[in-house]
C-alpha atoms as a PDB file:
ATOM      1  CA  MET A   1     -28.476 -20.380 -10.220  1.00  0.00           C
ATOM      2  CA  PRO A   2     -25.471 -21.587 -12.287  1.00  0.00           C
ATOM      3  CA  ARG A   3     -24.689 -25.283 -12.508  1.00  0.00           C
ATOM      4  CA  VAL A   4     -21.342 -26.397 -11.139  1.00  0.00           C
ATOM      5  CA  SER A   5     -19.306 -28.887 -13.090  1.00  0.00           C
ATOM      6  CA  CYS A   6     -18.107 -31.728 -10.890  1.00  0.00           C
ATOM      7  CA  GLY A   7     -15.796 -33.475 -13.371  1.00  0.00           C
ATOM      8  CA  GLN A   8     -12.503 -32.473 -11.772  1.00  0.00           C
ATOM      9  CA  SER A   9     -13.892 -30.505  -8.851  1.00  0.00           C
ATOM     10  CA  LEU A  10     -15.065 -31.175  -5.327  1.00  0.00           C
ATOM     11  CA  PRO A  11     -18.693 -30.257  -4.509  1.00  0.00           C
ATOM     12  CA  ALA A  12     -19.345 -26.509  -4.505  1.00  0.00           C
ATOM     13  CA  VAL A  13     -19.440 -24.769  -1.112  1.00  0.00           C
ATOM     14  CA  TYR A  14     -22.014 -21.995  -0.764  1.00  0.00           C
ATOM     15  CA  LEU A  15     -20.985 -18.983   1.335  1.00  0.00           C
ATOM     16  CA  ASN A  16     -22.660 -15.934   2.874  1.00  0.00           C
ATOM     17  CA  ALA A  17     -21.357 -12.357   2.937  1.00  0.00           C
ATOM     18  CA  ARG A  18     -19.101 -13.258   5.898  1.00  0.00           C
ATOM     19  CA  ASN A  19     -17.561 -16.155   3.954  1.00  0.00           C
ATOM     20  CA  GLN A  20     -19.319 -18.654   6.219  1.00  0.00           C
ATOM     21  CA  GLU A  21     -20.702 -21.880   4.749  1.00  0.00           C
ATOM     22  CA  THR A  22     -24.473 -21.756   4.255  1.00  0.00           C
ATOM     23  CA  VAL A  23     -27.329 -23.199   2.181  1.00  0.00           C
ATOM     24  CA  PRO A  24     -27.715 -22.048  -1.450  1.00  0.00           C
ATOM     25  CA  ASP A  25     -30.831 -19.952  -0.741  1.00  0.00           C
ATOM     26  CA  SER A  26     -28.899 -17.837   1.810  1.00  0.00           C
ATOM     27  CA  ALA A  27     -25.631 -17.644  -0.139  1.00  0.00           C
ATOM     28  CA  THR A  28     -24.050 -14.601  -1.763  1.00  0.00           C
ATOM     29  CA  HIS A  29     -21.361 -16.570  -3.624  1.00  0.00           C
ATOM     30  CA  TYR A  30     -19.873 -20.041  -3.886  1.00  0.00           C
ATOM     31  CA  ARG A  31     -16.466 -21.731  -3.953  1.00  0.00           C
ATOM     32  CA  VAL A  32     -15.239 -24.509  -6.228  1.00  0.00           C
ATOM     33  CA  VAL A  33     -12.067 -26.457  -5.378  1.00  0.00           C
ATOM     34  CA  ASN A  34     -10.386 -28.761  -7.887  1.00  0.00           C
ATOM     35  CA  GLN A  35      -9.141 -32.225  -7.079  1.00  0.00           C
ATOM     36  CA  LYS A  36      -5.522 -32.268  -5.902  1.00  0.00           C
ATOM     37  CA  GLU A  37      -3.136 -31.413  -8.728  1.00  0.00           C
ATOM     38  CA  GLU A  38       0.269 -32.921  -9.549  1.00  0.00           C
ATOM     39  CA  THR A  39       1.914 -29.887  -7.938  1.00  0.00           C
ATOM     40  CA  GLY A  40       0.323 -30.864  -4.629  1.00  0.00           C
ATOM     41  CA  GLY A  41      -2.103 -27.923  -4.499  1.00  0.00           C
ATOM     42  CA  TYR A  42      -5.818 -27.473  -5.005  1.00  0.00           C
ATOM     43  CA  GLY A  43      -6.965 -24.888  -7.515  1.00  0.00           C
ATOM     44  CA  MET A  44      -9.697 -22.719  -5.980  1.00  0.00           C
ATOM     45  CA  ARG A  45     -12.196 -20.279  -7.512  1.00  0.00           C
ATOM     46  CA  GLU A  46     -15.041 -18.249  -6.039  1.00  0.00           C
ATOM     47  CA  TYR A  47     -18.021 -17.077  -8.107  1.00  0.00           C
ATOM     48  CA  SER A  48     -21.028 -14.859  -7.644  1.00  0.00           C
ATOM     49  CA  LEU A  49     -24.343 -16.721  -7.811  1.00  0.00           C
ATOM     50  CA  ALA A  50     -24.698 -15.384 -11.349  1.00  0.00           C
ATOM     51  CA  GLY A  51     -21.466 -17.184 -12.299  1.00  0.00           C
ATOM     52  CA  THR A  52     -19.080 -14.204 -12.372  1.00  0.00           C
ATOM     53  CA  LEU A  53     -15.538 -15.074 -11.277  1.00  0.00           C
ATOM     54  CA  LEU A  54     -14.637 -13.215  -8.067  1.00  0.00           C
ATOM     55  CA  LEU A  55     -11.407 -14.837  -6.855  1.00  0.00           C
ATOM     56  CA  GLN A  56      -8.926 -17.524  -7.810  1.00  0.00           C
ATOM     57  CA  GLY A  57      -5.860 -19.020  -6.188  1.00  0.00           C
ATOM     58  CA  THR A  58      -4.317 -22.223  -4.855  1.00  0.00           C
ATOM     59  CA  LEU A  59      -4.803 -24.059  -1.549  1.00  0.00           C
ATOM     60  CA  SER A  60      -2.201 -26.393  -0.034  1.00  0.00           C
ATOM     61  CA  ALA A  61      -4.900 -27.920   2.215  1.00  0.00           C
ATOM     62  CA  ILE A  62      -8.695 -27.752   2.147  1.00  0.00           C
ATOM     63  CA  ASP A  63      -9.838 -28.709   5.657  1.00  0.00           C
ATOM     64  CA  PRO A  64      -9.240 -26.122   6.896  1.00  0.00           C
ATOM     65  CA  PRO A  65      -8.327 -24.187   3.727  1.00  0.00           C
ATOM     66  CA  VAL A  66      -4.710 -22.955   3.633  1.00  0.00           C
ATOM     67  CA  ARG A  67      -3.766 -20.423   0.963  1.00  0.00           C
ATOM     68  CA  ASN A  68      -0.407 -20.676  -0.788  1.00  0.00           C
ATOM     69  CA  GLY A  69       0.709 -18.922  -3.955  1.00  0.00           C
ATOM     70  CA  VAL A  70      -0.795 -16.012  -5.887  1.00  0.00           C
ATOM     71  CA  PHE A  71      -4.421 -15.002  -5.229  1.00  0.00           C
ATOM     72  CA  THR A  72      -6.270 -12.735  -7.633  1.00  0.00           C
ATOM     73  CA  TRP A  73      -9.579 -10.870  -7.172  1.00  0.00           C
ATOM     74  CA  PHE A  74     -11.627  -9.749 -10.196  1.00  0.00           C
ATOM     75  CA  HIS A  75     -13.962  -6.942 -11.196  1.00  0.00           C
ATOM     76  CA  PRO A  76     -17.407  -7.973 -12.536  1.00  0.00           C
ATOM     77  CA  SER A  77     -16.059  -7.177 -16.030  1.00  0.00           C
ATOM     78  CA  GLY A  78     -13.445  -9.917 -15.616  1.00  0.00           C
ATOM     79  CA  ALA A  79     -10.515  -7.505 -15.276  1.00  0.00           C
ATOM     80  CA  LYS A  80      -8.104  -8.059 -12.389  1.00  0.00           C
ATOM     81  CA  ALA A  81      -9.057  -6.064  -9.284  1.00  0.00           C
ATOM     82  CA  SER A  82      -6.203  -6.980  -6.900  1.00  0.00           C
ATOM     83  CA  GLN A  83      -3.453  -9.517  -6.324  1.00  0.00           C
ATOM     84  CA  VAL A  84      -1.117 -10.720  -3.579  1.00  0.00           C
ATOM     85  CA  GLN A  85       1.059 -13.732  -2.729  1.00  0.00           C
ATOM     86  CA  TYR A  86       0.259 -16.047   0.205  1.00  0.00           C
ATOM     87  CA  HIS A  87       2.555 -18.239   2.291  1.00  0.00           C
ATOM     88  CA  ASN A  88       0.997 -20.609   4.847  1.00  0.00           C
ATOM     89  CA  ASP A  89      -2.325 -18.753   4.654  1.00  0.00           C
ATOM     90  CA  LYS A  90      -0.805 -15.318   5.278  1.00  0.00           C
ATOM     91  CA  ALA A  91      -0.383 -12.554   2.722  1.00  0.00           C
ATOM     92  CA  ASN A  92       3.261 -11.696   2.096  1.00  0.00           C
ATOM     93  CA  GLY A  93       4.953  -9.210  -0.203  1.00  0.00           C
ATOM     94  CA  LEU A  94       3.600  -6.721  -2.707  1.00  0.00           C
ATOM     95  CA  TYR A  95      -0.142  -6.040  -2.888  1.00  0.00           C
ATOM     96  CA  LEU A  96      -1.493  -4.354  -6.015  1.00  0.00           C
ATOM     97  CA  ALA A  97      -5.032  -3.209  -6.864  1.00  0.00           C
ATOM     98  CA  TRP A  98      -6.296  -1.910 -10.204  1.00  0.00           C
ATOM     99  CA  TYR A  99      -9.221   0.019 -11.637  1.00  0.00           C
ATOM    100  CA  GLU A 100     -11.313  -1.748 -14.300  1.00  0.00           C
ATOM    101  CA  ASP A 101      -9.214  -0.152 -17.052  1.00  0.00           C
ATOM    102  CA  GLY A 102      -5.994  -1.616 -15.655  1.00  0.00           C
ATOM    103  CA  ARG A 103      -4.618   1.530 -14.033  1.00  0.00           C
ATOM    104  CA  VAL A 104      -3.116   1.038 -10.586  1.00  0.00           C
ATOM    105  CA  ARG A 105      -5.486   1.989  -7.745  1.00  0.00           C
ATOM    106  CA  GLN A 106      -3.479   0.960  -4.656  1.00  0.00           C
ATOM    107  CA  ARG A 107      -0.174  -0.599  -3.666  1.00  0.00           C
ATOM    108  CA  GLY A 108       1.428  -1.665  -0.420  1.00  0.00           C
ATOM    109  CA  GLU A 109       3.245  -4.484   1.374  1.00  0.00           C
ATOM    110  CA  TYR A 110       2.156  -7.382   3.573  1.00  0.00           C
ATOM    111  CA  MET A 111       4.282  -9.217   6.094  1.00  0.00           C
ATOM    112  CA  SER A 112       2.930 -12.378   7.758  1.00  0.00           C
ATOM    113  CA  GLY A 113      -0.648 -11.352   6.989  1.00  0.00           C
ATOM    114  CA  ARG A 114      -0.351  -7.761   8.214  1.00  0.00           C
ATOM    115  CA  ARG A 115      -0.043  -4.526   6.292  1.00  0.00           C
ATOM    116  CA  THR A 116       3.355  -2.960   6.758  1.00  0.00           C
ATOM    117  CA  GLY A 117       5.366  -0.006   5.539  1.00  0.00           C
ATOM    118  CA  ARG A 118       4.189   2.673   3.117  1.00  0.00           C
ATOM    119  CA  TRP A 119       0.802   2.348   1.396  1.00  0.00           C
ATOM    120  CA  LEU A 120      -0.327   4.496  -1.480  1.00  0.00           C
ATOM    121  CA  SER A 121      -3.646   4.881  -3.319  1.00  0.00           C
ATOM    122  CA  VAL A 122      -4.190   6.741  -6.585  1.00  0.00           C
ATOM    123  CA  HIS A 123      -7.095   8.505  -8.300  1.00  0.00           C
ATOM    124  CA  ARG A 124      -8.214   7.344 -11.745  1.00  0.00           C
ATOM    125  CA  ASN A 125      -6.410  10.318 -13.318  1.00  0.00           C
ATOM    126  CA  GLY A 126      -3.101   9.248 -11.754  1.00  0.00           C
ATOM    127  CA  GLN A 127      -3.053  11.851  -8.980  1.00  0.00           C
ATOM    128  CA  LYS A 128      -2.187  10.625  -5.508  1.00  0.00           C
ATOM    129  CA  ARG A 129      -5.263   9.846  -3.364  1.00  0.00           C
ATOM    130  CA  SER A 130      -3.754   8.801  -0.023  1.00  0.00           C
ATOM    131  CA  GLU A 131      -0.423   7.897   1.538  1.00  0.00           C
ATOM    132  CA  GLY A 132       0.694   6.710   4.938  1.00  0.00           C
ATOM    133  CA  HIS A 133       2.344   3.888   6.868  1.00  0.00           C
ATOM    134  CA  TYR A 134       1.247   0.707   8.625  1.00  0.00           C
ATOM    135  CA  VAL A 135       2.973  -0.765  11.670  1.00  0.00           C
ATOM    136  CA  LEU A 136       1.971  -4.302  12.690  1.00  0.00           C
ATOM    137  CA  GLY A 137      -1.138  -4.089  10.551  1.00  0.00           C
ATOM    138  CA  ARG A 138      -2.391  -0.758  11.899  1.00  0.00           C
ATOM    139  CA  PRO A 139      -2.163   2.718  10.338  1.00  0.00           C
ATOM    140  CA  HIS A 140       0.383   4.776  12.273  1.00  0.00           C
ATOM    141  CA  GLY A 141       1.811   8.251  12.061  1.00  0.00           C
ATOM    142  CA  GLU A 142       0.673  10.888   9.575  1.00  0.00           C
ATOM    143  CA  TRP A 143      -1.735   9.955   6.777  1.00  0.00           C
ATOM    144  CA  ARG A 144      -2.483  12.403   3.973  1.00  0.00           C
ATOM    145  CA  TYR A 145      -5.461  12.424   1.589  1.00  0.00           C
ATOM    146  CA  TYR A 146      -5.828  14.358  -1.672  1.00  0.00           C
ATOM    147  CA  PHE A 147      -8.444  15.542  -4.150  1.00  0.00           C
ATOM    148  CA  ASN A 148      -7.936  14.420  -7.757  1.00  0.00           C
ATOM    149  CA  THR A 149      -6.464  17.860  -8.463  1.00  0.00           C
ATOM    150  CA  GLY A 150      -3.556  17.093  -6.143  1.00  0.00           C
ATOM    151  CA  GLN A 151      -4.882  19.490  -3.475  1.00  0.00           C
ATOM    152  CA  LEU A 152      -4.717  18.214   0.105  1.00  0.00           C
ATOM    153  CA  SER A 153      -8.129  17.098   1.466  1.00  0.00           C
ATOM    154  CA  ALA A 154      -7.244  15.761   4.933  1.00  0.00           C
ATOM    155  CA  VAL A 155      -4.407  15.059   7.345  1.00  0.00           C
ATOM    156  CA  GLU A 156      -4.907  12.491  10.083  1.00  0.00           C
ATOM    157  CA  ARG A 157      -2.423  11.533  12.781  1.00  0.00           C
ATOM    158  CA  LEU A 158      -2.748   8.079  14.257  1.00  0.00           C
ATOM    159  CA  SER A 159      -1.114   5.988  16.959  1.00  0.00           C
ATOM    160  CA  GLN A 160      -1.375   2.254  16.330  1.00  0.00           C
ATOM    161  CA  GLY A 161      -4.668   2.667  14.504  1.00  0.00           C
ATOM    162  CA  ARG A 162      -6.144   5.175  16.924  1.00  0.00           C
ATOM    163  CA  SER A 163      -6.900   8.619  15.535  1.00  0.00           C
ATOM    164  CA  MET A 164      -5.199  11.399  17.492  1.00  0.00           C
ATOM    165  CA  SER A 165      -6.204  14.332  15.262  1.00  0.00           C
ATOM    166  CA  LEU A 166      -7.933  15.019  11.961  1.00  0.00           C
ATOM    167  CA  ALA A 167      -7.893  18.166   9.812  1.00  0.00           C
ATOM    168  CA  LEU A 168     -10.104  18.454   6.717  1.00  0.00           C
ATOM    169  CA  TYR A 169      -9.658  20.910   3.831  1.00  0.00           C
ATOM    170  CA  GLN A 170     -11.860  22.306   1.077  1.00  0.00           C
ATOM    171  CA  ALA A 171     -11.005  21.833  -2.583  1.00  0.00           C
ATOM    172  CA  ASP A 172      -9.491  25.351  -2.645  1.00  0.00           C
ATOM    173  CA  GLY A 173      -7.088  24.488   0.190  1.00  0.00           C
ATOM    174  CA  THR A 174      -8.889  26.366   2.975  1.00  0.00           C
ATOM    175  CA  PRO A 175      -9.504  24.493   6.260  1.00  0.00           C
ATOM    176  CA  SER A 176     -12.988  22.990   6.604  1.00  0.00           C
ATOM    177  CA  SER A 177     -14.638  24.582   9.624  1.00  0.00           C
ATOM    178  CA  ALA A 178     -17.680  22.295   9.428  1.00  0.00           C
ATOM    179  CA  GLY A 179     -15.678  19.123   9.993  1.00  0.00           C
ATOM    180  CA  GLY A 180     -17.492  15.923   9.043  1.00  0.00           C
ATOM    181  CA  PRO A 181     -17.228  12.130   9.159  1.00  0.00           C
ATOM    182  CA  ARG A 182     -14.265  10.286   7.681  1.00  0.00           C
ATOM    183  CA  ARG A 183     -16.616   8.294   5.472  1.00  0.00           C
ATOM    184  CA  GLN A 184     -20.028   9.306   4.187  1.00  0.00           C
ATOM    185  CA  ALA A 185     -22.244   7.031   2.069  1.00  0.00           C
ATOM    186  CA  PRO A 186     -23.956   8.243  -1.116  1.00  0.00           C
ATOM    187  CA  ALA A 187     -27.383   9.806  -0.495  1.00  0.00           C
ATOM    188  CA  PHE A 188     -30.427   9.280  -2.711  1.00  0.00           C
ATOM    189  CA  PRO A 189     -32.535  12.431  -3.246  1.00  0.00           C
ATOM    190  CA  GLY A 190     -35.060  12.386  -0.394  1.00  0.00           C
ATOM    191  CA  GLY A 191     -33.249   9.639   1.526  1.00  0.00           C
ATOM    192  CA  GLU A 192     -33.584   5.876   1.826  1.00  0.00           C
ATOM    193  CA  ALA A 193     -37.394   5.960   2.081  1.00  0.00           C
ATOM    194  CA  ALA A 194     -37.547   7.849  -1.227  1.00  0.00           C
ATOM    195  CA  LEU A 195     -35.251   5.238  -2.833  1.00  0.00           C
ATOM    196  CA  LEU A 196     -37.498   2.362  -1.739  1.00  0.00           C
ATOM    197  CA  ASP A 197     -40.572   4.260  -2.905  1.00  0.00           C
ATOM    198  CA  TYR A 198     -38.938   4.883  -6.294  1.00  0.00           C
ATOM    199  CA  LEU A 199     -38.248   1.165  -6.686  1.00  0.00           C
ATOM    200  CA  ALA A 200     -41.813   0.204  -5.704  1.00  0.00           C
ATOM    201  CA  ARG A 201     -43.349   2.735  -8.112  1.00  0.00           C
ATOM    202  CA  ASN A 202     -41.098   2.094 -11.082  1.00  0.00           C
ATOM    203  CA  THR A 203     -40.528  -1.668 -11.072  1.00  0.00           C
ATOM    204  CA  VAL A 204     -42.829  -3.579 -13.430  1.00  0.00           C
ATOM    205  CA  TYR A 205     -43.652  -7.240 -12.805  1.00  0.00           C
ATOM    206  CA  PRO A 206     -43.164  -8.784 -16.294  1.00  0.00           C
ATOM    207  CA  LYS A 207     -46.255 -10.375 -17.816  1.00  0.00           C
ATOM    208  CA  THR A 208     -44.444 -13.609 -18.690  1.00  0.00           C
ATOM    209  CA  ALA A 209     -43.147 -13.907 -15.116  1.00  0.00           C
ATOM    210  CA  ARG A 210     -46.693 -13.297 -13.811  1.00  0.00           C
ATOM    211  CA  GLN A 211     -48.030 -16.079 -16.024  1.00  0.00           C
ATOM    212  CA  ARG A 212     -45.347 -18.454 -14.713  1.00  0.00           C
ATOM    213  CA  ASN A 213     -45.909 -17.274 -11.108  1.00  0.00           C
ATOM    214  CA  ILE A 214     -42.201 -16.510 -10.582  1.00  0.00           C
ATOM    215  CA  ILE A 215     -41.657 -15.074  -7.093  1.00  0.00           C
ATOM    216  CA  GLY A 216     -38.466 -13.958  -5.384  1.00  0.00           C
ATOM    217  CA  SER A 217     -35.714 -11.356  -5.216  1.00  0.00           C
ATOM    218  CA  VAL A 218     -33.140 -10.276  -7.764  1.00  0.00           C
ATOM    219  CA  HIS A 219     -29.909  -8.953  -6.242  1.00  0.00           C
ATOM    220  CA  VAL A 220     -28.456  -6.152  -8.349  1.00  0.00           C
ATOM    221  CA  SER A 221     -24.952  -4.780  -7.868  1.00  0.00           C
ATOM    222  CA  TYR A 222     -24.308  -1.154  -8.822  1.00  0.00           C
ATOM    223  CA  THR A 223     -21.741   1.551  -8.192  1.00  0.00           C
ATOM    224  CA  VAL A 224     -22.487   5.162  -7.298  1.00  0.00           C
ATOM    225  CA  GLY A 225     -19.607   6.987  -8.943  1.00  0.00           C
ATOM    226  CA  GLU A 226     -17.632   9.987  -7.771  1.00  0.00           C
ATOM    227  CA  ASP A 227     -20.093  12.142  -9.725  1.00  0.00           C
ATOM    228  CA  GLY A 228     -23.136  10.480  -8.099  1.00  0.00           C
ATOM    229  CA  GLN A 229     -24.212   8.676 -11.287  1.00  0.00           C
ATOM    230  CA  VAL A 230     -25.245   5.018 -11.075  1.00  0.00           C
ATOM    231  CA  GLY A 231     -23.185   2.627 -13.199  1.00  0.00           C
ATOM    232  CA  GLN A 232     -21.425  -0.777 -13.377  1.00  0.00           C
ATOM    233  CA  ILE A 233     -24.781  -2.523 -13.009  1.00  0.00           C
ATOM    234  CA  HIS A 234     -24.871  -6.310 -13.043  1.00  0.00           C
ATOM    235  CA  ILE A 235     -27.020  -9.105 -11.637  1.00  0.00           C
ATOM    236  CA  ALA A 236     -25.416 -10.705  -8.590  1.00  0.00           C
ATOM    237  CA  ARG A 237     -28.262 -13.168  -8.106  1.00  0.00           C
ATOM    238  CA  GLY A 238     -31.032 -13.603 -10.648  1.00  0.00           C
ATOM    239  CA  LEU A 239     -34.456 -15.221 -11.016  1.00  0.00           C
ATOM    240  CA  SER A 240     -35.220 -15.386 -14.744  1.00  0.00           C
ATOM    241  CA  PRO A 241     -34.068 -13.496 -17.852  1.00  0.00           C
ATOM    242  CA  GLU A 242     -37.134 -11.237 -18.040  1.00  0.00           C
ATOM    243  CA  ILE A 243     -37.144 -10.409 -14.314  1.00  0.00           C
ATOM    244  CA  ASP A 244     -33.369  -9.873 -14.270  1.00  0.00           C
ATOM    245  CA  SER A 245     -33.706  -7.500 -17.224  1.00  0.00           C
ATOM    246  CA  GLU A 246     -36.411  -5.491 -15.447  1.00  0.00           C
ATOM    247  CA  ALA A 247     -34.343  -5.260 -12.257  1.00  0.00           C
ATOM    248  CA  ARG A 248     -31.347  -4.037 -14.259  1.00  0.00           C
ATOM    249  CA  ARG A 249     -33.548  -1.496 -16.067  1.00  0.00           C
ATOM    250  CA  VAL A 250     -35.032   0.063 -12.940  1.00  0.00           C
ATOM    251  CA  VAL A 251     -31.613   0.383 -11.253  1.00  0.00           C
ATOM    252  CA  ALA A 252     -30.176   1.974 -14.402  1.00  0.00           C
ATOM    253  CA  SER A 253     -33.029   4.506 -14.285  1.00  0.00           C
ATOM    254  CA  LEU A 254     -32.148   5.759 -10.775  1.00  0.00           C
ATOM    255  CA  PRO A 255     -31.483   9.514 -10.653  1.00  0.00           C
ATOM    256  CA  ALA A 256     -28.101  10.793  -9.516  1.00  0.00           C
ATOM    257  CA  PHE A 257     -27.163  10.427  -5.850  1.00  0.00           C
ATOM    258  CA  GLN A 258     -25.224  12.879  -3.762  1.00  0.00           C
ATOM    259  CA  PRO A 259     -21.838  11.123  -4.055  1.00  0.00           C
ATOM    260  CA  GLY A 260     -20.161   9.385  -1.159  1.00  0.00           C
ATOM    261  CA  HIS A 261     -17.026  10.841   0.426  1.00  0.00           C
ATOM    262  CA  GLU A 262     -13.940   9.571   2.217  1.00  0.00           C
ATOM    263  CA  TYR A 263     -11.814  12.174   3.954  1.00  0.00           C
ATOM    264  CA  ASN A 264     -13.702  14.897   2.081  1.00  0.00           C
ATOM    265  CA  VAL A 265     -12.918  13.306  -1.302  1.00  0.00           C
ATOM    266  CA  PRO A 266     -15.770  12.166  -3.618  1.00  0.00           C
ATOM    267  CA  THR A 267     -15.577   8.367  -3.623  1.00  0.00           C
ATOM    268  CA  ALA A 268     -17.194   5.643  -5.734  1.00  0.00           C
ATOM    269  CA  MET A 269     -19.018   3.048  -3.624  1.00  0.00           C
ATOM    270  CA  THR A 270     -20.597  -0.249  -4.656  1.00  0.00           C
ATOM    271  CA  TYR A 271     -23.849  -1.664  -3.287  1.00  0.00           C
ATOM    272  CA  THR A 272     -26.056  -4.716  -3.678  1.00  0.00           C
ATOM    273  CA  LEU A 273     -29.789  -4.067  -3.881  1.00  0.00           C
ATOM    274  CA  PRO A 274     -32.464  -6.782  -3.551  1.00  0.00           C
ATOM    275  CA  ILE A 275     -35.578  -6.107  -5.656  1.00  0.00           C
ATOM    276  CA  HIS A 276     -38.554  -8.281  -4.769  1.00  0.00           C
ATOM    277  CA  PHE A 277     -40.979  -9.570  -7.395  1.00  0.00           C
ATOM    278  CA  ALA A 278     -44.355 -11.102  -6.493  1.00  0.00           C
ATOM    279  CA  PRO A 279     -47.909 -11.253  -7.878  1.00  0.00           C
ATOM    280  CA  SER A 280     -48.862  -8.354  -5.575  1.00  0.00           C
ATOM    281  CA  PHE A 281     -47.463  -6.196  -8.377  1.00  0.00           C
ATOM    282  CA  THR A 282     -50.772  -5.325 -10.129  1.00  0.00           C
ATOM    283  CA  LEU A 283     -51.359  -3.699 -13.476  1.00  0.00           C
ATOM    284  CA  LEU A 284     -53.651  -0.982 -12.097  1.00  0.00           C
ATOM    285  CA  HIS A 285     -54.060  -1.015  -8.328  1.00  0.00           C
ATOM    286  CA  GLY A 286     -53.013  -2.910  -5.224  1.00  0.00           C
ATOM    287  CA  VAL A 287     -50.191  -3.126  -2.740  1.00  0.00           C
ATOM    288  CA  ARG A 288     -46.770  -3.655  -4.204  1.00  0.00           C
ATOM    289  CA  PRO A 289     -44.257  -5.808  -2.287  1.00  0.00           C
ATOM    290  CA  ALA A 290     -42.073  -3.942   0.179  1.00  0.00           C
ATOM    291  CA  GLN A 291     -38.525  -3.375  -1.039  1.00  0.00           C
ATOM    292  CA  GLU A 292     -35.372  -3.677   1.063  1.00  0.00           C
ATOM    293  CA  PRO A 293     -32.581  -1.075   1.327  1.00  0.00           C
ATOM    294  CA  PRO A 294     -29.233  -1.689  -0.391  1.00  0.00           C
ATOM    295  CA  THR A 295     -26.171  -2.958   1.452  1.00  0.00           C
ATOM    296  CA  GLU A 296     -22.576  -2.122   0.614  1.00  0.00           C
ATOM    297  CA  ALA A 297     -21.128  -4.870  -1.539  1.00  0.00           C
ATOM    298  CA  ARG A 298     -18.704  -7.456  -0.244  1.00  0.00           C
ATOM    299  CA  VAL A 299     -15.068  -6.631  -0.895  1.00  0.00           C
ATOM    300  CA  GLY A 300     -12.353  -9.218  -0.351  1.00  0.00           C
ATOM    301  CA  TYR A 301      -9.007  -8.254   1.161  1.00  0.00           C
ATOM    302  CA  PRO A 302      -5.908 -10.357   1.836  1.00  0.00           C
ATOM    303  CA  ASP A 303      -6.282  -9.597   5.582  1.00  0.00           C
ATOM    304  CA  GLU A 304      -9.451 -11.720   5.661  1.00  0.00           C
ATOM    305  CA  GLY A 305      -9.667 -15.475   6.064  1.00  0.00           C
ATOM    306  CA  LEU A 306     -11.486 -17.904   3.779  1.00  0.00           C
END
């Protein structure tokens, strides 16, 4: 776990996936707040347990925390992921989100902490992905979704966030008679049980870690892309260099998934996978430790509190 410098900072606060304060062993990330600056604010940053910067901004008060000024979220690569301005702890004005390469992914407006007006999302190739309107923080009216070819994939009509009708279309423009869910997670060949079995069979307990009796779980973040391939792999919470390297290796070796979909459109989705290491990994025989299924990774949005 990374060390936190306390020179100009208050003690680190460890947080769980719901942004609730917790003990370090149960945390998914942590927050560091600087001592009060001459401007009257407190600089704030949130990091993954591996030390990757997730979020930065300024607080005008810390108990309870009150956001004021620009807040920026980051991709694991360090590139900006999204940004919005806060006033008295409520998002206000233009919201922008970017892909890792800097291309715009989404834009919209906030008013007093609620989404408002027209919102637009864009595919990586620049084609429109979705468009619609928010009223008092809820999607309202007609929302349209598109394949990356520009072809319509779905039309949904909503009333104050409640779906009134939904029509789905195939990539060739014909109506989809089979229907389907609005959102479908990526599927590993053979299902979740096959994924856990693959991890148990293919993960090797490093000899040096065995000699040092290192036991615990490495949390690996990965993205299943629109093509089903696994990528953007990084360690969200590590144990030791050799164990972290093995966890990264086995995740990188995963075969292609059936990609996830949103409104019939192939969609990249990010997950966090715990891989457990213990001496019950044997060189020849024996029971290997049970593995846990992945969970969809935490994503911060301006609508959420600290």
